[in-house]
Every structure is written in C-alpha cells, then in structure tokens.
Amino acid sequence: KGLSKAEAGFCLKGLSSTVKIAKQEELKFVVKVTPGIDPTSVFDLVQFEVRNDKRFFITTKAKLTSTSTSFEKVNYDVKKIKQGYYYLVVRNLDKGEYFFGSNDFMFAFGID
C-alpha cells in the first residue's frame, strides 16, 4: 500500500465463490471435529473483502508506527449432533462472500 502502510493476509481469485447459498434467516453447516474439541476453537467464520476481481482476507495491518493482527469474526452458535459432529448455526448473515476456516481448512461460499 505504499511506504507507510502494509497489509498481510491472503486472497482468492474471482469476485465470488462457486458455492452459492440463498439468503436465509438461519443456516446450518455440519462439521466433524476430534471428540472433546470445541468447534469454536477450531473454526472462524469471516467475511471476505471484495476488491476488483479478488476476495481478500486481511489478517494484519501495519502502519509506520504500529501493527494490528486482529480481524472481525462472524458469530455463530454450535449445536451438538452426536459425539464429534456439530451444527455451526449462523443467523441473519448478510449478502456477501464468506468462509469458515481453521489452520488447515477453508470452505468459501457466497450469500445471494
């Protein structure tokens, strides 16, 4: 961004995901985790920032005098299905591009 600002993160090509979900009051995603692990400690739900023809997720912003490593997560609820299996329940998600992510997993989708 120039000499006084920098950003770090990642981007995906394309304005939108090939996975499209109609806007609904409530969405449920099914995940499997190691029994005894809280899914909220594994999965973050984040909205992409769309710029030009790419979707960006910025994890770090730096200025000449400071660095910030926070990003805004979307809240969701967890409902146990059975041992190790859960619903991640998202309510009132606005139209846009999103992903569920962990250290080694990403599921990108768009809300229309």
PDB file of N, CA and C in Angstrom:
ATOM      1  N   LYS A   1       0.811  -1.212   0.000  1.00  0.00           N
ATOM      2  CA  LYS A   1       0.000   0.000   0.000  1.00  0.00           C
ATOM      3  C   LYS A   1       0.843   1.260   0.000  1.00  0.00           C
ATOM      4  N   GLY A   2       2.111   1.161  -0.110  1.00  0.00           N
ATOM      5  CA  GLY A   2       2.953   2.345  -0.072  1.00  0.00           C
ATOM      6  C   GLY A   2       4.019   2.206   0.992  1.00  0.00           C
ATOM      7  N   LEU A   3       4.731   3.268   1.233  1.00  0.00           N
ATOM      8  CA  LEU A   3       5.823   3.224   2.193  1.00  0.00           C
ATOM      9  C   LEU A   3       5.381   3.282   3.643  1.00  0.00           C
ATOM     10  N   SER A   4       4.193   3.803   3.915  1.00  0.00           N
ATOM     11  CA  SER A   4       3.784   3.969   5.305  1.00  0.00           C
ATOM     12  C   SER A   4       2.737   2.958   5.776  1.00  0.00           C
ATOM     13  N   LYS A   5       2.210   2.127   4.872  1.00  0.00           N
ATOM     14  CA  LYS A   5       1.193   1.147   5.255  1.00  0.00           C
ATOM     15  C   LYS A   5       1.471  -0.196   4.589  1.00  0.00           C
ATOM     16  N   ALA A   6       1.067  -1.285   5.258  1.00  0.00           N
ATOM     17  CA  ALA A   6       1.208  -2.623   4.690  1.00  0.00           C
ATOM     18  C   ALA A   6       0.079  -3.501   5.208  1.00  0.00           C
ATOM     19  N   GLU A   7      -0.285  -4.510   4.420  1.00  0.00           N
ATOM     20  CA  GLU A   7      -1.301  -5.479   4.820  1.00  0.00           C
ATOM     21  C   GLU A   7      -0.777  -6.875   4.525  1.00  0.00           C
ATOM     22  N   ALA A   8      -1.198  -7.831   5.354  1.00  0.00           N
ATOM     23  CA  ALA A   8      -0.857  -9.231   5.131  1.00  0.00           C
ATOM     24  C   ALA A   8      -2.115 -10.053   5.266  1.00  0.00           C
ATOM     25  N   GLY A   9      -2.197 -11.108   4.526  1.00  0.00           N
ATOM     26  CA  GLY A   9      -3.352 -12.000   4.547  1.00  0.00           C
ATOM     27  C   GLY A   9      -3.308 -12.876   3.324  1.00  0.00           C
ATOM     28  N   PHE A  10      -4.454 -13.174   2.763  1.00  0.00           N
ATOM     29  CA  PHE A  10      -4.485 -13.945   1.535  1.00  0.00           C
ATOM     30  C   PHE A  10      -5.672 -13.522   0.699  1.00  0.00           C
ATOM     31  N   CYS A  11      -5.664 -13.949  -0.554  1.00  0.00           N
ATOM     32  CA  CYS A  11      -6.781 -13.623  -1.431  1.00  0.00           C
ATOM     33  C   CYS A  11      -7.116 -14.825  -2.297  1.00  0.00           C
ATOM     34  N   LEU A  12      -8.364 -14.849  -2.747  1.00  0.00           N
ATOM     35  CA  LEU A  12      -8.839 -15.861  -3.682  1.00  0.00           C
ATOM     36  C   LEU A  12      -9.221 -15.159  -4.973  1.00  0.00           C
ATOM     37  N   LYS A  13      -8.902 -15.771  -6.093  1.00  0.00           N
ATOM     38  CA  LYS A  13      -9.271 -15.203  -7.377  1.00  0.00           C
ATOM     39  C   LYS A  13     -10.781 -15.279  -7.565  1.00  0.00           C
ATOM     40  N   GLY A  14     -11.310 -14.290  -8.261  1.00  0.00           N
ATOM     41  CA  GLY A  14     -12.736 -14.268  -8.564  1.00  0.00           C
ATOM     42  C   GLY A  14     -13.518 -13.406  -7.598  1.00  0.00           C
ATOM     43  N   LEU A  15     -14.565 -12.802  -8.138  1.00  0.00           N
ATOM     44  CA  LEU A  15     -15.425 -11.947  -7.318  1.00  0.00           C
ATOM     45  C   LEU A  15     -16.256 -12.728  -6.318  1.00  0.00           C
ATOM     46  N   SER A  16     -16.542 -13.993  -6.659  1.00  0.00           N
ATOM     47  CA  SER A  16     -17.426 -14.756  -5.780  1.00  0.00           C
ATOM     48  C   SER A  16     -17.111 -16.241  -5.847  1.00  0.00           C
ATOM     49  N   SER A  17     -17.548 -16.929  -4.838  1.00  0.00           N
ATOM     50  CA  SER A  17     -17.383 -18.375  -4.743  1.00  0.00           C
ATOM     51  C   SER A  17     -18.341 -19.073  -5.701  1.00  0.00           C
ATOM     52  N   THR A  18     -17.974 -20.270  -6.119  1.00  0.00           N
ATOM     53  CA  THR A  18     -18.889 -21.080  -6.932  1.00  0.00           C
ATOM     54  C   THR A  18     -19.995 -21.680  -6.064  1.00  0.00           C
ATOM     55  N   VAL A  19     -19.782 -21.718  -4.755  1.00  0.00           N
ATOM     56  CA  VAL A  19     -20.799 -22.220  -3.828  1.00  0.00           C
ATOM     57  C   VAL A  19     -21.686 -21.046  -3.441  1.00  0.00           C
ATOM     58  N   LYS A  20     -22.951 -21.105  -3.834  1.00  0.00           N
ATOM     59  CA  LYS A  20     -23.916 -20.033  -3.560  1.00  0.00           C
ATOM     60  C   LYS A  20     -25.021 -20.555  -2.655  1.00  0.00           C
ATOM     61  N   ILE A  21     -25.358 -19.753  -1.667  1.00  0.00           N
ATOM     62  CA  ILE A  21     -26.440 -20.097  -0.740  1.00  0.00           C
ATOM     63  C   ILE A  21     -27.407 -18.927  -0.717  1.00  0.00           C
ATOM     64  N   ALA A  22     -28.688 -19.231  -0.862  1.00  0.00           N
ATOM     65  CA  ALA A  22     -29.699 -18.177  -0.810  1.00  0.00           C
ATOM     66  C   ALA A  22     -29.758 -17.591   0.596  1.00  0.00           C
ATOM     67  N   LYS A  23     -29.963 -16.280   0.682  1.00  0.00           N
ATOM     68  CA  LYS A  23     -30.072 -15.612   1.982  1.00  0.00           C
ATOM     69  C   LYS A  23     -31.242 -16.213   2.751  1.00  0.00           C
ATOM     70  N   GLN A  24     -30.962 -16.623   3.974  1.00  0.00           N
ATOM     71  CA  GLN A  24     -31.957 -17.239   4.846  1.00  0.00           C
ATOM     72  C   GLN A  24     -31.765 -16.697   6.257  1.00  0.00           C
ATOM     73  N   GLU A  25     -32.792 -16.842   7.063  1.00  0.00           N
ATOM     74  CA  GLU A  25     -32.692 -16.386   8.454  1.00  0.00           C
ATOM     75  C   GLU A  25     -31.680 -17.212   9.231  1.00  0.00           C
ATOM     76  N   GLU A  26     -31.616 -18.519   8.929  1.00  0.00           N
ATOM     77  CA  GLU A  26     -30.714 -19.407   9.659  1.00  0.00           C
ATOM     78  C   GLU A  26     -30.077 -20.398   8.691  1.00  0.00           C
ATOM     79  N   LEU A  27     -28.772 -20.579   8.818  1.00  0.00           N
ATOM     80  CA  LEU A  27     -28.027 -21.568   8.043  1.00  0.00           C
ATOM     81  C   LEU A  27     -27.354 -22.530   9.004  1.00  0.00           C
ATOM     82  N   LYS A  28     -27.306 -23.805   8.619  1.00  0.00           N
ATOM     83  CA  LYS A  28     -26.626 -24.814   9.437  1.00  0.00           C
ATOM     84  C   LYS A  28     -25.561 -25.499   8.585  1.00  0.00           C
ATOM     85  N   PHE A  29     -24.342 -25.529   9.122  1.00  0.00           N
ATOM     86  CA  PHE A  29     -23.235 -26.219   8.486  1.00  0.00           C
ATOM     87  C   PHE A  29     -22.833 -27.368   9.398  1.00  0.00           C
ATOM     88  N   VAL A  30     -22.590 -28.543   8.839  1.00  0.00           N
ATOM     89  CA  VAL A  30     -22.202 -29.707   9.629  1.00  0.00           C
ATOM     90  C   VAL A  30     -20.685 -29.847   9.593  1.00  0.00           C
ATOM     91  N   VAL A  31     -20.077 -30.027  10.770  1.00  0.00           N
ATOM     92  CA  VAL A  31     -18.638 -30.247  10.858  1.00  0.00           C
ATOM     93  C   VAL A  31     -18.339 -31.448  11.752  1.00  0.00           C
ATOM     94  N   LYS A  32     -17.192 -32.046  11.490  1.00  0.00           N
ATOM     95  CA  LYS A  32     -16.695 -33.137  12.327  1.00  0.00           C
ATOM     96  C   LYS A  32     -15.382 -32.675  12.942  1.00  0.00           C
ATOM     97  N   VAL A  33     -15.274 -32.820  14.255  1.00  0.00           N
ATOM     98  CA  VAL A  33     -14.044 -32.480  14.968  1.00  0.00           C
ATOM     99  C   VAL A  33     -13.656 -33.643  15.864  1.00  0.00           C
ATOM    100  N   THR A  34     -12.443 -33.628  16.336  1.00  0.00           N
ATOM    101  CA  THR A  34     -11.995 -34.641  17.279  1.00  0.00           C
ATOM    102  C   THR A  34     -12.888 -34.587  18.512  1.00  0.00           C
ATOM    103  N   PRO A  35     -13.416 -35.737  18.960  1.00  0.00           N
ATOM    104  CA  PRO A  35     -14.276 -35.725  20.154  1.00  0.00           C
ATOM    105  C   PRO A  35     -13.609 -34.993  21.315  1.00  0.00           C
ATOM    106  N   GLY A  36     -14.391 -34.140  21.972  1.00  0.00           N
ATOM    107  CA  GLY A  36     -13.903 -33.359  23.099  1.00  0.00           C
ATOM    108  C   GLY A  36     -13.396 -31.980  22.719  1.00  0.00           C
ATOM    109  N   ILE A  37     -13.291 -31.695  21.428  1.00  0.00           N
ATOM    110  CA  ILE A  37     -12.818 -30.386  20.957  1.00  0.00           C
ATOM    111  C   ILE A  37     -14.016 -29.482  20.703  1.00  0.00           C
ATOM    112  N   ASP A  38     -13.941 -28.251  21.149  1.00  0.00           N
ATOM    113  CA  ASP A  38     -14.982 -27.258  20.908  1.00  0.00           C
ATOM    114  C   ASP A  38     -14.807 -26.699  19.494  1.00  0.00           C
ATOM    115  N   PRO A  39     -15.819 -26.826  18.623  1.00  0.00           N
ATOM    116  CA  PRO A  39     -15.686 -26.329  17.246  1.00  0.00           C
ATOM    117  C   PRO A  39     -15.351 -24.843  17.150  1.00  0.00           C
ATOM    118  N   THR A  40     -15.781 -24.042  18.130  1.00  0.00           N
ATOM    119  CA  THR A  40     -15.471 -22.608  18.081  1.00  0.00           C
ATOM    120  C   THR A  40     -13.980 -22.339  18.280  1.00  0.00           C
ATOM    121  N   SER A  41     -13.246 -23.304  18.826  1.00  0.00           N
ATOM    122  CA  SER A  41     -11.800 -23.139  18.976  1.00  0.00           C
ATOM    123  C   SER A  41     -11.066 -23.558  17.698  1.00  0.00           C
ATOM    124  N   VAL A  42     -11.791 -24.149  16.748  1.00  0.00           N
ATOM    125  CA  VAL A  42     -11.194 -24.630  15.508  1.00  0.00           C
ATOM    126  C   VAL A  42     -11.579 -23.758  14.316  1.00  0.00           C
ATOM    127  N   PHE A  43     -12.853 -23.383  14.221  1.00  0.00           N
ATOM    128  CA  PHE A  43     -13.388 -22.711  13.039  1.00  0.00           C
ATOM    129  C   PHE A  43     -13.708 -21.246  13.295  1.00  0.00           C
ATOM    130  N   ASP A  44     -13.231 -20.392  12.413  1.00  0.00           N
ATOM    131  CA  ASP A  44     -13.618 -18.986  12.395  1.00  0.00           C
ATOM    132  C   ASP A  44     -14.494 -18.765  11.169  1.00  0.00           C
ATOM    133  N   LEU A  45     -15.514 -17.941  11.314  1.00  0.00           N
ATOM    134  CA  LEU A  45     -16.342 -17.516  10.190  1.00  0.00           C
ATOM    135  C   LEU A  45     -16.014 -16.055   9.929  1.00  0.00           C
ATOM    136  N   VAL A  46     -15.590 -15.757   8.707  1.00  0.00           N
ATOM    137  CA  VAL A  46     -15.114 -14.423   8.360  1.00  0.00           C
ATOM    138  C   VAL A  46     -15.693 -14.013   7.007  1.00  0.00           C
ATOM    139  N   GLN A  47     -15.973 -12.727   6.877  1.00  0.00           N
ATOM    140  CA  GLN A  47     -16.438 -12.202   5.601  1.00  0.00           C
ATOM    141  C   GLN A  47     -15.241 -11.676   4.813  1.00  0.00           C
ATOM    142  N   PHE A  48     -15.190 -12.044   3.541  1.00  0.00           N
ATOM    143  CA  PHE A  48     -14.156 -11.528   2.645  1.00  0.00           C
ATOM    144  C   PHE A  48     -14.421 -10.065   2.323  1.00  0.00           C
ATOM    145  N   GLU A  49     -13.362  -9.355   2.030  1.00  0.00           N
ATOM    146  CA  GLU A  49     -13.451  -8.020   1.456  1.00  0.00           C
ATOM    147  C   GLU A  49     -13.212  -8.196  -0.045  1.00  0.00           C
ATOM    148  N   VAL A  50     -14.169  -7.762  -0.860  1.00  0.00           N
ATOM    149  CA  VAL A  50     -14.049  -7.911  -2.311  1.00  0.00           C
ATOM    150  C   VAL A  50     -13.442  -6.644  -2.887  1.00  0.00           C
ATOM    151  N   ARG A  51     -12.335  -6.821  -3.609  1.00  0.00           N
ATOM    152  CA  ARG A  51     -11.648  -5.709  -4.280  1.00  0.00           C
ATOM    153  C   ARG A  51     -11.353  -6.150  -5.705  1.00  0.00           C
ATOM    154  N   ASN A  52     -11.767  -5.319  -6.661  1.00  0.00           N
ATOM    155  CA  ASN A  52     -11.556  -5.626  -8.071  1.00  0.00           C
ATOM    156  C   ASN A  52     -12.078  -7.025  -8.384  1.00  0.00           C
ATOM    157  N   ASP A  53     -11.242  -7.954  -8.785  1.00  0.00           N
ATOM    158  CA  ASP A  53     -11.712  -9.291  -9.138  1.00  0.00           C
ATOM    159  C   ASP A  53     -11.211 -10.360  -8.161  1.00  0.00           C
ATOM    160  N   LYS A  54     -10.995  -9.959  -6.882  1.00  0.00           N
ATOM    161  CA  LYS A  54     -10.482 -10.900  -5.891  1.00  0.00           C
ATOM    162  C   LYS A  54     -11.198 -10.729  -4.557  1.00  0.00           C
ATOM    163  N   ARG A  55     -11.153 -11.799  -3.754  1.00  0.00           N
ATOM    164  CA  ARG A  55     -11.688 -11.788  -2.393  1.00  0.00           C
ATOM    165  C   ARG A  55     -10.515 -11.817  -1.426  1.00  0.00           C
ATOM    166  N   PHE A  56     -10.458 -10.835  -0.541  1.00  0.00           N
ATOM    167  CA  PHE A  56      -9.338 -10.685   0.379  1.00  0.00           C
ATOM    168  C   PHE A  56      -9.748 -10.963   1.816  1.00  0.00           C
ATOM    169  N   PHE A  57      -8.831 -11.569   2.552  1.00  0.00           N
ATOM    170  CA  PHE A  57      -8.943 -11.713   3.997  1.00  0.00           C
ATOM    171  C   PHE A  57      -7.650 -11.148   4.578  1.00  0.00           C
ATOM    172  N   ILE A  58      -7.752 -10.007   5.205  1.00  0.00           N
ATOM    173  CA  ILE A  58      -6.593  -9.316   5.759  1.00  0.00           C
ATOM    174  C   ILE A  58      -6.456  -9.685   7.235  1.00  0.00           C
ATOM    175  N   THR A  59      -5.317 -10.264   7.583  1.00  0.00           N
ATOM    176  CA  THR A  59      -5.074 -10.683   8.967  1.00  0.00           C
ATOM    177  C   THR A  59      -4.246  -9.677   9.747  1.00  0.00           C
ATOM    178  N   THR A  60      -3.410  -8.913   9.037  1.00  0.00           N
ATOM    179  CA  THR A  60      -2.515  -7.979   9.698  1.00  0.00           C
ATOM    180  C   THR A  60      -2.461  -6.665   8.923  1.00  0.00           C
ATOM    181  N   LYS A  61      -2.550  -5.567   9.659  1.00  0.00           N
ATOM    182  CA  LYS A  61      -2.385  -4.240   9.076  1.00  0.00           C
ATOM    183  C   LYS A  61      -1.267  -3.551   9.828  1.00  0.00           C
ATOM    184  N   ALA A  62      -0.351  -2.967   9.087  1.00  0.00           N
ATOM    185  CA  ALA A  62       0.782  -2.286   9.717  1.00  0.00           C
ATOM    186  C   ALA A  62       0.872  -0.856   9.205  1.00  0.00           C
ATOM    187  N   LYS A  63       1.153   0.036  10.129  1.00  0.00           N
ATOM    188  CA  LYS A  63       1.450   1.424   9.802  1.00  0.00           C
ATOM    189  C   LYS A  63       2.897   1.660  10.191  1.00  0.00           C
ATOM    190  N   LEU A  64       3.368   2.809   9.904  1.00  0.00           N
ATOM    191  CA  LEU A  64       4.761   3.127  10.197  1.00  0.00           C
ATOM    192  C   LEU A  64       5.096   2.927  11.677  1.00  0.00           C
ATOM    193  N   THR A  65       4.121   3.193  12.558  1.00  0.00           N
ATOM    194  CA  THR A  65       4.392   3.145  13.990  1.00  0.00           C
ATOM    195  C   THR A  65       3.693   2.012  14.742  1.00  0.00           C
ATOM    196  N   SER A  66       2.799   1.243  14.078  1.00  0.00           N
ATOM    197  CA  SER A  66       2.072   0.199  14.809  1.00  0.00           C
ATOM    198  C   SER A  66       1.645  -0.933  13.870  1.00  0.00           C
ATOM    199  N   THR A  67       1.324  -2.069  14.497  1.00  0.00           N
ATOM    200  CA  THR A  67       0.843  -3.244  13.769  1.00  0.00           C
ATOM    201  C   THR A  67      -0.375  -3.803  14.485  1.00  0.00           C
ATOM    202  N   SER A  68      -1.390  -4.180  13.716  1.00  0.00           N
ATOM    203  CA  SER A  68      -2.606  -4.779  14.264  1.00  0.00           C
ATOM    204  C   SER A  68      -2.814  -6.143  13.621  1.00  0.00           C
ATOM    205  N   THR A  69      -3.076  -7.162  14.444  1.00  0.00           N
ATOM    206  CA  THR A  69      -3.268  -8.512  13.915  1.00  0.00           C
ATOM    207  C   THR A  69      -4.665  -9.042  14.190  1.00  0.00           C
ATOM    208  N   SER A  70      -5.608  -8.166  14.385  1.00  0.00           N
ATOM    209  CA  SER A  70      -6.968  -8.625  14.651  1.00  0.00           C
ATOM    210  C   SER A  70      -7.810  -8.546  13.387  1.00  0.00           C
ATOM    211  N   PHE A  71      -8.866  -9.342  13.349  1.00  0.00           N
ATOM    212  CA  PHE A  71      -9.827  -9.294  12.266  1.00  0.00           C
ATOM    213  C   PHE A  71     -11.200  -9.595  12.848  1.00  0.00           C
ATOM    214  N   GLU A  72     -12.223  -9.179  12.134  1.00  0.00           N
ATOM    215  CA  GLU A  72     -13.588  -9.309  12.627  1.00  0.00           C
ATOM    216  C   GLU A  72     -14.164 -10.667  12.254  1.00  0.00           C
ATOM    217  N   LYS A  73     -14.569 -11.410  13.272  1.00  0.00           N
ATOM    218  CA  LYS A  73     -15.188 -12.720  13.072  1.00  0.00           C
ATOM    219  C   LYS A  73     -16.702 -12.572  13.119  1.00  0.00           C
ATOM    220  N   VAL A  74     -17.384 -13.444  12.396  1.00  0.00           N
ATOM    221  CA  VAL A  74     -18.844 -13.500  12.428  1.00  0.00           C
ATOM    222  C   VAL A  74     -19.232 -14.525  13.491  1.00  0.00           C
ATOM    223  N   ASN A  75     -20.142 -14.160  14.371  1.00  0.00           N
ATOM    224  CA  ASN A  75     -20.571 -15.061  15.435  1.00  0.00           C
ATOM    225  C   ASN A  75     -21.475 -16.162  14.897  1.00  0.00           C
ATOM    226  N   TYR A  76     -21.364 -17.328  15.510  1.00  0.00           N
ATOM    227  CA  TYR A  76     -22.243 -18.449  15.200  1.00  0.00           C
ATOM    228  C   TYR A  76     -22.442 -19.275  16.462  1.00  0.00           C
ATOM    229  N   ASP A  77     -23.515 -20.061  16.468  1.00  0.00           N
ATOM    230  CA  ASP A  77     -23.804 -20.953  17.586  1.00  0.00           C
ATOM    231  C   ASP A  77     -23.441 -22.380  17.200  1.00  0.00           C
ATOM    232  N   VAL A  78     -23.241 -23.218  18.204  1.00  0.00           N
ATOM    233  CA  VAL A  78     -22.892 -24.614  17.994  1.00  0.00           C
ATOM    234  C   VAL A  78     -23.977 -25.490  18.613  1.00  0.00           C
ATOM    235  N   LYS A  79     -24.417 -26.492  17.854  1.00  0.00           N
ATOM    236  CA  LYS A  79     -25.390 -27.452  18.369  1.00  0.00           C
ATOM    237  C   LYS A  79     -24.841 -28.853  18.114  1.00  0.00           C
ATOM    238  N   LYS A  80     -24.713 -29.622  19.189  1.00  0.00           N
ATOM    239  CA  LYS A  80     -24.151 -30.969  19.073  1.00  0.00           C
ATOM    240  C   LYS A  80     -25.146 -31.895  18.386  1.00  0.00           C
ATOM    241  N   ILE A  81     -24.665 -32.653  17.402  1.00  0.00           N
ATOM    242  CA  ILE A  81     -25.478 -33.669  16.738  1.00  0.00           C
ATOM    243  C   ILE A  81     -25.244 -35.001  17.439  1.00  0.00           C
ATOM    244  N   LYS A  82     -23.979 -35.385  17.536  1.00  0.00           N
ATOM    245  CA  LYS A  82     -23.523 -36.554  18.286  1.00  0.00           C
ATOM    246  C   LYS A  82     -22.041 -36.370  18.540  1.00  0.00           C
ATOM    247  N   GLN A  83     -21.405 -37.281  19.249  1.00  0.00           N
ATOM    248  CA  GLN A  83     -20.007 -37.137  19.613  1.00  0.00           C
ATOM    249  C   GLN A  83     -19.144 -36.799  18.390  1.00  0.00           C
ATOM    250  N   GLY A  84     -18.510 -35.620  18.410  1.00  0.00           N
ATOM    251  CA  GLY A  84     -17.609 -35.210  17.346  1.00  0.00           C
ATOM    252  C   GLY A  84     -18.268 -34.528  16.159  1.00  0.00           C
ATOM    253  N   TYR A  85     -19.604 -34.488  16.108  1.00  0.00           N
ATOM    254  CA  TYR A  85     -20.331 -33.874  14.999  1.00  0.00           C
ATOM    255  C   TYR A  85     -21.199 -32.731  15.515  1.00  0.00           C
ATOM    256  N   TYR A  86     -21.146 -31.604  14.816  1.00  0.00           N
ATOM    257  CA  TYR A  86     -21.857 -30.413  15.267  1.00  0.00           C
ATOM    258  C   TYR A  86     -22.467 -29.658  14.099  1.00  0.00           C
ATOM    259  N   TYR A  87     -23.533 -28.927  14.408  1.00  0.00           N
ATOM    260  CA  TYR A  87     -24.038 -27.898  13.507  1.00  0.00           C
ATOM    261  C   TYR A  87     -23.375 -26.589  13.907  1.00  0.00           C
ATOM    262  N   LEU A  88     -22.887 -25.836  12.934  1.00  0.00           N
ATOM    263  CA  LEU A  88     -22.489 -24.457  13.149  1.00  0.00           C
ATOM    264  C   LEU A  88     -23.654 -23.635  12.620  1.00  0.00           C
ATOM    265  N   VAL A  89     -24.360 -22.951  13.504  1.00  0.00           N
ATOM    266  CA  VAL A  89     -25.609 -22.270  13.164  1.00  0.00           C
ATOM    267  C   VAL A  89     -25.352 -20.767  13.049  1.00  0.00           C
ATOM    268  N   VAL A  90     -25.608 -20.244  11.856  1.00  0.00           N
ATOM    269  CA  VAL A  90     -25.392 -18.827  11.583  1.00  0.00           C
ATOM    270  C   VAL A  90     -26.750 -18.186  11.331  1.00  0.00           C
ATOM    271  N   ARG A  91     -26.996 -17.053  11.974  1.00  0.00           N
ATOM    272  CA  ARG A  91     -28.280 -16.367  11.813  1.00  0.00           C
ATOM    273  C   ARG A  91     -28.084 -15.002  11.156  1.00  0.00           C
ATOM    274  N   ASN A  92     -29.031 -14.678  10.267  1.00  0.00           N
ATOM    275  CA  ASN A  92     -29.109 -13.346   9.646  1.00  0.00           C
ATOM    276  C   ASN A  92     -27.800 -12.907   8.982  1.00  0.00           C
ATOM    277  N   LEU A  93     -27.209 -13.796   8.221  1.00  0.00           N
ATOM    278  CA  LEU A  93     -25.989 -13.470   7.506  1.00  0.00           C
ATOM    279  C   LEU A  93     -26.326 -12.598   6.305  1.00  0.00           C
ATOM    280  N   ASP A  94     -25.669 -11.445   6.190  1.00  0.00           N
ATOM    281  CA  ASP A  94     -25.903 -10.528   5.077  1.00  0.00           C
ATOM    282  C   ASP A  94     -25.356 -11.098   3.778  1.00  0.00           C
ATOM    283  N   LYS A  95     -25.833 -10.556   2.662  1.00  0.00           N
ATOM    284  CA  LYS A  95     -25.294 -10.943   1.363  1.00  0.00           C
ATOM    285  C   LYS A  95     -23.813 -10.610   1.337  1.00  0.00           C
ATOM    286  N   GLY A  96     -23.027 -11.484   0.705  1.00  0.00           N
ATOM    287  CA  GLY A  96     -21.592 -11.256   0.618  1.00  0.00           C
ATOM    288  C   GLY A  96     -20.832 -12.547   0.441  1.00  0.00           C
ATOM    289  N   GLU A  97     -19.522 -12.450   0.550  1.00  0.00           N
ATOM    290  CA  GLU A  97     -18.610 -13.586   0.404  1.00  0.00           C
ATOM    291  C   GLU A  97     -17.996 -13.917   1.755  1.00  0.00           C
ATOM    292  N   TYR A  98     -18.010 -15.208   2.130  1.00  0.00           N
ATOM    293  CA  TYR A  98     -17.589 -15.657   3.463  1.00  0.00           C
ATOM    294  C   TYR A  98     -16.743 -16.912   3.363  1.00  0.00           C
ATOM    295  N   PHE A  99     -16.128 -17.267   4.489  1.00  0.00           N
ATOM    296  CA  PHE A  99     -15.505 -18.584   4.592  1.00  0.00           C
ATOM    297  C   PHE A  99     -15.434 -19.013   6.050  1.00  0.00           C
ATOM    298  N   PHE A 100     -15.533 -20.332   6.242  1.00  0.00           N
ATOM    299  CA  PHE A 100     -15.185 -20.964   7.507  1.00  0.00           C
ATOM    300  C   PHE A 100     -13.748 -21.420   7.335  1.00  0.00           C
ATOM    301  N   GLY A 101     -12.912 -21.135   8.311  1.00  0.00           N
ATOM    302  CA  GLY A 101     -11.523 -21.538   8.186  1.00  0.00           C
ATOM    303  C   GLY A 101     -10.937 -22.002   9.493  1.00  0.00           C
ATOM    304  N   SER A 102      -9.911 -22.837   9.365  1.00  0.00           N
ATOM    305  CA  SER A 102      -9.120 -23.282  10.512  1.00  0.00           C
ATOM    306  C   SER A 102      -7.664 -23.237  10.067  1.00  0.00           C
ATOM    307  N   ASN A 103      -6.785 -23.839  10.841  1.00  0.00           N
ATOM    308  CA  ASN A 103      -5.368 -23.830  10.473  1.00  0.00           C
ATOM    309  C   ASN A 103      -5.088 -24.552   9.157  1.00  0.00           C
ATOM    310  N   ASP A 104      -5.897 -25.568   8.832  1.00  0.00           N
ATOM    311  CA  ASP A 104      -5.618 -26.334   7.615  1.00  0.00           C
ATOM    312  C   ASP A 104      -6.855 -26.602   6.758  1.00  0.00           C
ATOM    313  N   PHE A 105      -7.872 -25.759   6.882  1.00  0.00           N
ATOM    314  CA  PHE A 105      -9.120 -25.985   6.173  1.00  0.00           C
ATOM    315  C   PHE A 105      -9.779 -24.654   5.828  1.00  0.00           C
ATOM    316  N   MET A 106     -10.405 -24.592   4.649  1.00  0.00           N
ATOM    317  CA  MET A 106     -11.191 -23.415   4.291  1.00  0.00           C
ATOM    318  C   MET A 106     -12.370 -23.854   3.447  1.00  0.00           C
ATOM    319  N   PHE A 107     -13.549 -23.313   3.784  1.00  0.00           N
ATOM    320  CA  PHE A 107     -14.746 -23.525   2.989  1.00  0.00           C
ATOM    321  C   PHE A 107     -15.306 -22.151   2.658  1.00  0.00           C
ATOM    322  N   ALA A 108     -15.186 -21.768   1.382  1.00  0.00           N
ATOM    323  CA  ALA A 108     -15.663 -20.461   0.933  1.00  0.00           C
ATOM    324  C   ALA A 108     -17.056 -20.598   0.312  1.00  0.00           C
ATOM    325  N   PHE A 109     -17.892 -19.582   0.542  1.00  0.00           N
ATOM    326  CA  PHE A 109     -19.242 -19.592  -0.005  1.00  0.00           C
ATOM    327  C   PHE A 109     -19.747 -18.167  -0.117  1.00  0.00           C
ATOM    328  N   GLY A 110     -20.772 -17.988  -0.934  1.00  0.00           N
ATOM    329  CA  GLY A 110     -21.381 -16.679  -1.101  1.00  0.00           C
ATOM    330  C   GLY A 110     -22.838 -16.718  -0.704  1.00  0.00           C
ATOM    331  N   ILE A 111     -23.321 -15.642  -0.104  1.00  0.00           N
ATOM    332  CA  ILE A 111     -24.725 -15.493   0.224  1.00  0.00           C
ATOM    333  C   ILE A 111     -25.343 -14.521  -0.787  1.00  0.00           C
ATOM    334  N   ASP A 112     -26.355 -15.003  -1.496  1.00  0.00           N
ATOM    335  CA  ASP A 112     -27.034 -14.177  -2.507  1.00  0.00           C
ATOM    336  C   ASP A 112     -28.366 -13.650  -1.998  1.00  0.00           C
TER     337      ASP A 112
END
